N, C-alpha and C. Protein backbone atom coordinates (compact mmCIF):
# COMPACT_ATOMS: atom_id res chain seq x y z
N MET A 1 117.97 99.09 138.16
CA MET A 1 117.13 98.08 136.63
C MET A 1 115.98 97.91 136.95
N ALA A 2 114.86 98.44 135.67
CA ALA A 2 113.60 98.07 135.64
C ALA A 2 112.78 97.04 135.52
N LYS A 3 112.31 96.76 136.73
CA LYS A 3 111.31 95.80 136.83
C LYS A 3 110.21 95.43 135.63
N LYS A 4 110.30 93.91 135.85
CA LYS A 4 109.73 93.69 134.35
C LYS A 4 108.77 93.13 134.83
N SER A 5 107.73 92.70 133.97
CA SER A 5 106.54 92.40 133.99
C SER A 5 106.63 90.71 133.97
N ARG A 6 105.23 90.19 134.34
CA ARG A 6 105.28 88.54 134.64
C ARG A 6 105.66 88.12 133.66
N LYS A 7 105.08 88.45 132.06
CA LYS A 7 105.03 88.31 130.88
C LYS A 7 106.76 88.29 130.43
N GLN A 8 107.09 89.09 130.80
CA GLN A 8 108.46 89.71 130.32
C GLN A 8 109.63 88.53 131.11
N GLN A 9 109.37 88.49 132.35
CA GLN A 9 110.11 87.64 132.80
C GLN A 9 109.96 86.02 132.44
N ALA A 10 108.95 86.19 132.08
CA ALA A 10 108.48 84.59 131.41
C ALA A 10 109.16 84.54 130.08
N GLY A 11 109.97 84.92 129.37
CA GLY A 11 110.76 84.84 128.25
C GLY A 11 110.34 85.79 126.80
N GLY A 12 109.07 87.07 127.60
CA GLY A 12 108.35 87.40 126.55
C GLY A 12 109.21 88.78 126.29
N THR A 13 109.44 89.71 125.23
CA THR A 13 109.73 90.52 124.77
C THR A 13 108.85 92.09 124.51
N PRO A 14 109.25 92.96 124.81
CA PRO A 14 107.71 94.43 124.82
C PRO A 14 107.10 94.01 123.87
N ALA A 15 107.95 93.23 122.48
CA ALA A 15 106.95 93.30 121.36
C ALA A 15 105.57 92.44 121.84
N THR A 16 106.16 91.26 122.02
CA THR A 16 105.24 90.21 122.83
C THR A 16 103.90 90.50 123.39
N VAL A 17 104.78 91.28 124.40
CA VAL A 17 104.05 91.81 125.55
C VAL A 17 102.72 92.81 124.89
N ALA A 18 103.37 93.33 124.05
CA ALA A 18 101.92 94.48 123.16
C ALA A 18 101.06 93.76 122.46
N LEU A 19 101.29 92.80 121.49
CA LEU A 19 100.50 92.06 121.10
C LEU A 19 99.58 91.33 122.23
N THR A 20 100.15 90.60 123.49
CA THR A 20 98.91 90.20 123.95
C THR A 20 98.47 90.62 124.81
N THR A 21 99.09 91.90 124.94
CA THR A 21 98.39 93.36 125.46
C THR A 21 96.98 93.24 124.83
N ALA A 22 97.49 93.54 123.64
CA ALA A 22 96.27 94.38 122.68
C ALA A 22 95.25 92.88 122.05
N GLY A 23 95.31 91.99 122.55
CA GLY A 23 94.41 91.04 122.10
C GLY A 23 94.72 90.39 120.39
N THR A 24 95.83 90.50 120.17
CA THR A 24 95.94 90.51 118.70
C THR A 24 96.65 88.94 118.49
N GLU A 25 95.97 88.32 117.54
CA GLU A 25 96.83 87.06 116.88
C GLU A 25 97.93 87.04 116.53
N PHE A 26 98.85 86.14 117.06
CA PHE A 26 100.05 86.04 116.71
C PHE A 26 101.05 84.56 116.80
N THR A 27 101.82 84.54 116.55
CA THR A 27 102.72 83.54 116.44
C THR A 27 104.13 83.57 116.64
N VAL A 28 105.12 83.51 117.71
CA VAL A 28 106.07 83.50 117.83
C VAL A 28 107.23 81.95 117.13
N HIS A 29 107.98 82.56 116.59
CA HIS A 29 109.19 81.81 115.93
C HIS A 29 110.49 82.11 116.51
N SER A 30 111.36 81.02 116.96
CA SER A 30 112.71 81.60 117.26
C SER A 30 113.23 80.43 116.34
N TYR A 31 114.66 80.75 116.63
CA TYR A 31 115.70 80.02 115.74
C TYR A 31 117.06 80.47 116.21
N ASP A 32 118.24 79.53 116.00
CA ASP A 32 118.98 79.82 116.37
C ASP A 32 120.07 81.11 115.61
N HIS A 33 120.71 82.18 116.29
CA HIS A 33 121.03 83.30 115.36
C HIS A 33 122.46 82.88 115.05
N ASP A 34 122.62 83.16 114.08
CA ASP A 34 124.23 83.19 113.74
C ASP A 34 125.04 84.33 114.05
N PRO A 35 125.65 84.72 115.52
CA PRO A 35 126.28 86.19 114.56
C PRO A 35 127.12 86.55 113.63
N ALA A 36 127.84 85.36 112.88
CA ALA A 36 128.24 85.80 111.57
C ALA A 36 127.33 85.62 110.39
N SER A 37 126.27 85.77 110.67
CA SER A 37 125.52 85.43 109.29
C SER A 37 125.36 87.03 108.76
N PRO A 38 125.86 87.88 107.88
CA PRO A 38 125.63 89.12 106.68
C PRO A 38 124.61 89.79 106.91
N SER A 39 123.23 89.18 107.10
CA SER A 39 122.20 89.42 107.07
C SER A 39 120.77 89.08 107.81
N TYR A 40 120.44 89.83 109.10
CA TYR A 40 119.44 89.16 110.12
C TYR A 40 118.32 88.91 109.33
N GLY A 41 117.87 89.61 108.39
CA GLY A 41 116.44 89.22 107.80
C GLY A 41 116.15 87.99 106.83
N GLU A 42 117.55 88.09 105.94
CA GLU A 42 117.35 86.79 105.11
C GLU A 42 117.77 85.44 106.10
N GLU A 43 118.88 85.78 107.22
CA GLU A 43 119.07 84.08 108.12
C GLU A 43 117.53 83.80 108.56
N ALA A 44 116.72 84.84 109.06
CA ALA A 44 115.62 84.57 109.57
C ALA A 44 114.30 83.71 108.65
N ALA A 45 114.14 84.54 107.11
CA ALA A 45 113.42 83.40 106.16
C ALA A 45 114.00 82.60 106.11
N GLU A 46 115.46 82.02 105.73
CA GLU A 46 116.23 80.31 105.60
C GLU A 46 115.60 79.66 106.83
N ALA A 47 115.86 80.06 108.11
CA ALA A 47 115.75 79.62 108.87
C ALA A 47 114.30 79.44 109.94
N LEU A 48 113.30 79.76 109.22
CA LEU A 48 111.90 79.35 109.11
C LEU A 48 111.58 78.95 107.88
N GLY A 49 112.11 78.82 107.17
CA GLY A 49 111.83 78.47 106.00
C GLY A 49 110.33 79.09 105.30
N VAL A 50 110.51 80.63 105.34
CA VAL A 50 109.86 81.59 104.95
C VAL A 50 110.36 82.12 103.50
N SER A 51 109.73 82.42 102.68
CA SER A 51 109.80 83.23 101.73
C SER A 51 110.30 84.29 102.11
N ALA A 52 111.26 84.61 101.47
CA ALA A 52 111.95 86.36 102.04
C ALA A 52 110.99 87.78 101.93
N ASP A 53 109.71 87.51 100.89
CA ASP A 53 109.12 88.50 101.10
C ASP A 53 108.26 88.62 101.66
N ARG A 54 108.09 87.54 102.73
CA ARG A 54 107.27 87.44 103.54
C ARG A 54 107.75 88.01 104.89
N VAL A 55 109.13 87.92 105.06
CA VAL A 55 110.21 88.50 106.61
C VAL A 55 110.61 90.11 106.11
N PHE A 56 110.01 90.46 107.12
CA PHE A 56 110.13 91.89 107.06
C PHE A 56 111.47 92.37 107.76
N LYS A 57 111.75 93.53 107.78
CA LYS A 57 113.22 94.07 108.46
C LYS A 57 112.88 95.42 108.86
N THR A 58 112.84 95.79 109.89
CA THR A 58 112.83 97.01 110.68
C THR A 58 113.49 98.05 110.81
N LEU A 59 113.88 98.71 109.80
CA LEU A 59 114.67 99.40 109.82
C LEU A 59 114.55 101.44 110.26
N VAL A 60 115.38 102.12 110.94
CA VAL A 60 115.30 103.35 111.15
C VAL A 60 115.58 103.94 110.79
N ALA A 61 115.11 105.28 110.68
CA ALA A 61 115.77 106.51 109.37
C ALA A 61 115.48 107.80 110.20
N ASP A 62 116.65 108.36 109.39
CA ASP A 62 115.94 109.97 110.24
C ASP A 62 115.45 110.53 108.84
N VAL A 63 114.07 111.29 109.26
CA VAL A 63 113.55 112.17 108.22
C VAL A 63 113.69 113.92 108.32
N ASP A 64 114.07 114.07 107.34
CA ASP A 64 114.08 116.17 108.67
C ASP A 64 114.33 116.02 109.71
N GLY A 65 115.38 115.30 110.47
CA GLY A 65 115.42 115.23 112.15
C GLY A 65 114.37 114.35 112.85
N GLU A 66 113.68 113.65 112.20
CA GLU A 66 113.18 113.02 113.03
C GLU A 66 113.05 111.46 112.95
N LEU A 67 113.22 110.64 113.88
CA LEU A 67 112.95 108.96 113.67
C LEU A 67 112.22 108.87 113.33
N VAL A 68 112.21 107.72 112.20
CA VAL A 68 110.99 107.10 111.42
C VAL A 68 111.60 105.39 111.36
N VAL A 69 110.53 104.69 111.38
CA VAL A 69 110.35 103.52 111.40
C VAL A 69 110.11 102.95 109.67
N ALA A 70 110.92 102.07 109.35
CA ALA A 70 110.58 101.63 108.02
C ALA A 70 110.42 99.99 108.29
N VAL A 71 109.26 99.61 107.45
CA VAL A 71 109.28 97.71 107.92
C VAL A 71 109.09 97.36 106.29
N VAL A 72 109.84 97.11 105.44
CA VAL A 72 110.23 96.41 104.43
C VAL A 72 110.70 94.74 104.38
N PRO A 73 110.56 94.26 102.96
CA PRO A 73 110.99 93.10 102.82
C PRO A 73 111.90 92.55 103.06
N VAL A 74 112.64 91.97 103.26
CA VAL A 74 114.19 91.25 104.06
C VAL A 74 114.55 91.28 102.08
N ALA A 75 113.70 90.67 101.41
CA ALA A 75 114.29 90.40 100.14
C ALA A 75 114.67 91.61 99.19
N GLY A 76 114.31 92.71 99.65
CA GLY A 76 114.96 93.90 99.11
C GLY A 76 115.29 95.07 99.94
N SER A 77 115.03 96.25 99.28
CA SER A 77 116.33 97.15 100.25
C SER A 77 114.92 98.50 100.62
N LEU A 78 115.29 99.79 101.21
CA LEU A 78 114.12 100.58 101.49
C LEU A 78 114.85 101.54 100.75
N ASP A 79 113.61 102.52 100.29
CA ASP A 79 113.42 103.51 98.94
C ASP A 79 113.57 104.84 99.78
N LEU A 80 114.38 105.65 100.28
CA LEU A 80 114.72 106.62 101.22
C LEU A 80 114.09 107.47 100.64
N LYS A 81 113.55 108.05 99.32
CA LYS A 81 112.89 108.96 99.07
C LYS A 81 111.60 108.80 98.81
N ALA A 82 110.86 107.65 98.87
CA ALA A 82 109.64 107.07 98.82
C ALA A 82 109.26 107.19 100.35
N LEU A 83 109.81 106.95 101.73
CA LEU A 83 109.87 107.18 102.79
C LEU A 83 109.62 108.21 103.46
N ALA A 84 110.52 109.22 102.78
CA ALA A 84 110.02 110.43 103.06
C ALA A 84 108.97 111.16 102.69
N SER A 85 109.06 110.53 101.18
CA SER A 85 107.35 111.50 101.07
C SER A 85 106.23 110.52 101.68
N ALA A 86 106.54 109.37 102.11
CA ALA A 86 105.25 108.91 102.91
C ALA A 86 104.90 109.26 104.02
N VAL A 87 105.81 110.14 104.70
CA VAL A 87 105.25 110.80 105.78
C VAL A 87 105.45 112.44 105.85
N GLY A 88 105.83 112.73 104.50
CA GLY A 88 105.52 113.84 104.63
C GLY A 88 106.63 115.03 104.28
N GLY A 89 108.00 114.56 104.00
CA GLY A 89 109.29 115.16 104.50
C GLY A 89 109.94 115.29 102.99
N LYS A 90 111.14 115.56 103.12
CA LYS A 90 111.76 115.72 102.06
C LYS A 90 113.13 115.46 101.81
N ARG A 91 113.89 114.83 103.10
CA ARG A 91 114.88 113.70 103.03
C ARG A 91 114.87 112.74 104.27
N ALA A 92 115.34 111.87 103.70
CA ALA A 92 115.63 110.69 104.38
C ALA A 92 117.15 110.30 104.63
N ALA A 93 117.58 109.75 105.05
CA ALA A 93 118.97 109.00 105.54
C ALA A 93 118.76 107.76 107.00
N MET A 94 119.58 106.74 106.65
CA MET A 94 119.91 105.79 107.70
C MET A 94 119.83 106.39 108.99
N ALA A 95 119.01 106.48 110.30
CA ALA A 95 119.63 106.30 111.43
C ALA A 95 120.68 106.02 112.16
N ASP A 96 121.46 106.83 112.48
CA ASP A 96 122.68 106.19 113.68
C ASP A 96 121.90 105.11 114.80
N PRO A 97 123.00 104.02 114.10
CA PRO A 97 122.93 102.55 114.75
C PRO A 97 122.49 102.77 116.40
N ALA A 98 123.54 103.81 117.26
CA ALA A 98 123.25 104.22 118.86
C ALA A 98 121.63 104.62 118.78
N ALA A 99 121.40 105.99 118.06
CA ALA A 99 120.08 106.66 118.51
C ALA A 99 119.51 105.60 118.29
N ALA A 100 119.03 104.41 116.94
CA ALA A 100 117.94 103.54 117.04
C ALA A 100 118.13 102.85 117.96
N GLU A 101 118.88 102.17 118.62
CA GLU A 101 118.49 101.32 119.77
C GLU A 101 118.49 102.14 120.70
N ARG A 102 118.96 103.26 121.27
CA ARG A 102 118.33 103.98 122.41
C ARG A 102 117.05 104.70 122.55
N THR A 103 116.55 105.04 121.31
CA THR A 103 115.18 105.28 121.03
C THR A 103 114.10 104.43 120.79
N THR A 104 114.72 103.17 120.36
CA THR A 104 113.77 102.11 120.41
C THR A 104 113.65 100.88 121.59
N GLY A 105 115.31 100.78 122.62
CA GLY A 105 114.90 100.16 123.43
C GLY A 105 115.55 98.61 122.95
N TYR A 106 115.60 98.91 121.80
CA TYR A 106 116.17 96.98 120.83
C TYR A 106 117.45 97.11 120.57
N VAL A 107 118.23 96.15 119.97
CA VAL A 107 119.72 96.26 119.69
C VAL A 107 119.20 95.55 117.79
N ARG A 108 120.30 96.43 116.78
CA ARG A 108 120.45 96.32 116.15
C ARG A 108 120.09 94.26 115.56
N GLY A 109 119.16 94.53 114.57
CA GLY A 109 119.10 92.90 113.99
C GLY A 109 117.94 92.70 115.17
N GLY A 110 117.43 93.40 115.95
CA GLY A 110 116.31 92.68 116.84
C GLY A 110 115.68 93.89 117.28
N ILE A 111 115.42 95.07 116.37
CA ILE A 111 114.79 96.07 116.85
C ILE A 111 113.20 95.15 115.84
N SER A 112 111.79 95.64 116.94
CA SER A 112 110.55 95.31 116.17
C SER A 112 110.04 96.84 116.02
N PRO A 113 108.89 96.52 115.07
CA PRO A 113 108.13 97.50 115.16
C PRO A 113 107.28 97.94 116.31
N LEU A 114 107.02 96.67 117.31
CA LEU A 114 106.18 96.78 118.44
C LEU A 114 106.82 97.25 119.63
N GLY A 115 106.29 97.56 120.37
CA GLY A 115 106.81 97.52 121.97
C GLY A 115 108.06 98.44 121.95
N GLN A 116 108.09 99.24 121.28
CA GLN A 116 109.63 100.55 121.48
C GLN A 116 109.68 101.21 122.72
N ARG A 117 110.48 101.62 123.44
CA ARG A 117 110.71 102.48 124.32
C ARG A 117 109.82 103.80 123.69
N ARG A 118 110.26 104.26 122.65
CA ARG A 118 109.53 105.27 122.80
C ARG A 118 108.65 105.16 121.08
N ARG A 119 107.92 105.18 121.32
CA ARG A 119 107.23 104.84 119.82
C ARG A 119 107.22 105.84 118.78
N LEU A 120 107.77 105.17 117.83
CA LEU A 120 108.13 106.18 116.58
C LEU A 120 106.95 106.22 115.05
N ARG A 121 106.97 106.91 114.46
CA ARG A 121 106.28 106.82 113.34
C ARG A 121 106.71 105.88 112.59
N THR A 122 105.45 104.98 111.72
CA THR A 122 105.94 103.70 111.18
C THR A 122 105.40 103.68 109.76
N VAL A 123 106.01 103.06 108.79
CA VAL A 123 105.54 103.28 107.55
C VAL A 123 106.01 101.97 107.21
N LEU A 124 104.70 101.18 106.85
CA LEU A 124 104.96 99.63 106.27
C LEU A 124 104.82 99.81 104.51
N ASP A 125 105.99 99.04 103.71
CA ASP A 125 105.80 98.44 102.77
C ASP A 125 104.27 98.06 102.20
N ALA A 126 103.69 98.54 101.10
CA ALA A 126 102.47 98.32 100.48
C ALA A 126 102.47 96.42 100.22
N SER A 127 103.74 96.41 99.76
CA SER A 127 103.88 94.77 99.11
C SER A 127 103.29 93.84 100.63
N ALA A 128 103.02 94.34 101.90
CA ALA A 128 103.03 93.17 103.20
C ALA A 128 101.24 92.75 103.00
N ALA A 129 100.65 93.87 101.96
CA ALA A 129 98.93 93.76 102.35
C ALA A 129 98.87 92.17 100.98
N ALA A 130 99.98 91.56 100.40
CA ALA A 130 100.28 90.47 99.58
C ALA A 130 99.84 89.25 100.18
N HIS A 131 100.37 89.39 101.43
CA HIS A 131 100.57 88.28 101.99
C HIS A 131 99.58 88.01 103.13
N PRO A 132 98.99 86.74 103.66
CA PRO A 132 97.90 86.89 104.45
C PRO A 132 98.84 86.98 106.54
N THR A 133 99.88 86.69 106.48
CA THR A 133 101.02 87.20 107.57
C THR A 133 102.11 87.12 106.77
N ILE A 134 102.50 88.33 107.95
CA ILE A 134 104.14 88.46 107.69
C ILE A 134 104.99 88.24 108.89
N CYS A 135 105.92 88.05 109.06
CA CYS A 135 107.13 88.07 110.07
C CYS A 135 107.84 89.23 110.00
N VAL A 136 107.86 89.49 111.24
CA VAL A 136 108.47 90.85 111.72
C VAL A 136 109.49 90.42 112.56
N SER A 137 110.53 91.29 113.44
CA SER A 137 111.16 91.01 114.60
C SER A 137 110.44 90.95 115.63
N ALA A 138 110.97 89.94 116.68
CA ALA A 138 110.00 89.91 118.32
C ALA A 138 110.50 90.62 119.48
N GLY A 139 111.45 91.69 118.94
CA GLY A 139 112.21 92.18 119.59
C GLY A 139 113.81 91.72 119.83
N ARG A 140 114.21 90.55 119.42
CA ARG A 140 115.62 89.81 120.19
C ARG A 140 115.67 89.30 118.49
N ARG A 141 116.94 89.16 118.47
CA ARG A 141 117.83 88.44 116.99
C ARG A 141 117.67 86.86 117.39
N GLY A 142 117.04 86.27 116.56
CA GLY A 142 116.60 84.97 116.66
C GLY A 142 114.70 84.52 117.59
N LEU A 143 114.33 85.45 117.01
CA LEU A 143 112.81 85.65 117.88
C LEU A 143 112.21 86.34 116.58
N GLU A 144 110.96 86.07 116.17
CA GLU A 144 110.09 86.38 115.14
C GLU A 144 109.08 86.57 115.61
N VAL A 145 108.16 87.52 114.82
CA VAL A 145 106.46 87.53 115.36
C VAL A 145 105.92 87.06 114.27
N GLU A 146 104.48 86.43 113.94
CA GLU A 146 104.08 86.39 112.48
C GLU A 146 103.11 86.81 112.64
N LEU A 147 102.41 87.86 112.14
CA LEU A 147 100.84 88.16 112.32
C LEU A 147 100.32 88.96 110.99
N ALA A 148 99.28 89.13 111.19
CA ALA A 148 98.40 89.91 110.04
C ALA A 148 99.31 91.04 109.58
N ALA A 149 99.29 91.68 108.76
CA ALA A 149 100.15 92.97 108.26
C ALA A 149 99.16 93.86 108.90
N SER A 150 97.99 93.70 108.32
CA SER A 150 96.76 94.53 108.97
C SER A 150 96.96 95.30 110.39
N ASP A 151 96.97 93.81 111.48
CA ASP A 151 97.36 93.85 112.57
C ASP A 151 98.27 95.09 113.01
N LEU A 152 99.35 94.51 112.13
CA LEU A 152 100.67 95.23 112.45
C LEU A 152 100.48 96.71 112.08
N ALA A 153 99.86 97.16 111.06
CA ALA A 153 99.49 98.38 110.87
C ALA A 153 98.47 99.48 111.54
N ALA A 154 97.51 98.68 112.70
CA ALA A 154 96.61 99.05 113.16
C ALA A 154 97.22 99.23 114.63
N LEU A 155 98.28 98.20 115.05
CA LEU A 155 99.05 98.49 115.91
C LEU A 155 100.20 99.82 116.59
N THR A 156 100.83 99.96 114.84
CA THR A 156 101.75 100.53 115.11
C THR A 156 101.21 102.14 114.37
N ASP A 157 99.85 102.39 114.21
CA ASP A 157 98.96 103.40 113.07
C ASP A 157 100.28 103.79 112.33
N ALA A 158 100.39 102.77 111.24
CA ALA A 158 101.53 103.03 110.34
C ALA A 158 100.93 103.28 108.99
N VAL A 159 101.65 104.32 108.20
CA VAL A 159 101.26 105.05 107.14
C VAL A 159 101.52 103.68 105.83
N VAL A 160 100.65 103.00 105.36
CA VAL A 160 100.95 101.77 104.18
C VAL A 160 101.66 102.36 102.90
N ALA A 161 102.75 102.47 102.62
CA ALA A 161 103.00 102.92 101.09
C ALA A 161 103.81 102.07 100.64
N PRO A 162 104.33 102.14 99.01
CA PRO A 162 105.66 101.59 98.47
C PRO A 162 106.83 101.96 99.00
N ILE A 163 107.19 101.67 99.54
CA ILE A 163 108.75 102.08 100.47
C ILE A 163 109.67 101.37 99.98
N GLY A 164 109.67 99.86 99.61
CA GLY A 164 110.56 99.29 99.60
C GLY A 164 110.62 99.07 97.92
N ARG A 165 112.46 98.48 97.84
CA ARG A 165 112.83 98.65 96.18
C ARG A 165 113.10 97.23 96.39
N ALA A 166 112.80 96.42 94.84
CA ALA A 166 113.22 94.83 94.87
C ALA A 166 114.39 94.52 94.43
């Protein structure tokens, strides 16, 4: 079993540890996750009382054989063609869930764009810039982190592009 840092032992996740280490301003929001909920992101928006266009889901896609992270509003869906184009690829498809979990170190519904086991290229939907802050998974179901979209883009070296569909 891997040894955990003090921050992780105190209830932090790799995502919150990464934010703290970087000195980024953020707020953690927790809620009681319902395993029967059909949409993790919509559940988060409702539980936190935040507009669904400010809560972003983290999706892992396969673009020409490379796993890539897409961060899009939970109120919409991912445009796979736009994602492929944003990273200079030709074809994109949703990644195998087991491969996404193994590569990121997070479970489905709790995958964060931050603190991944193996850092993947990231594309953040351009709509994030319309909000002072956005919420993304903090690395566990029922835990979200709120931060400035510009901070998320900087910490993940994200390409910002219109990859979401309403």
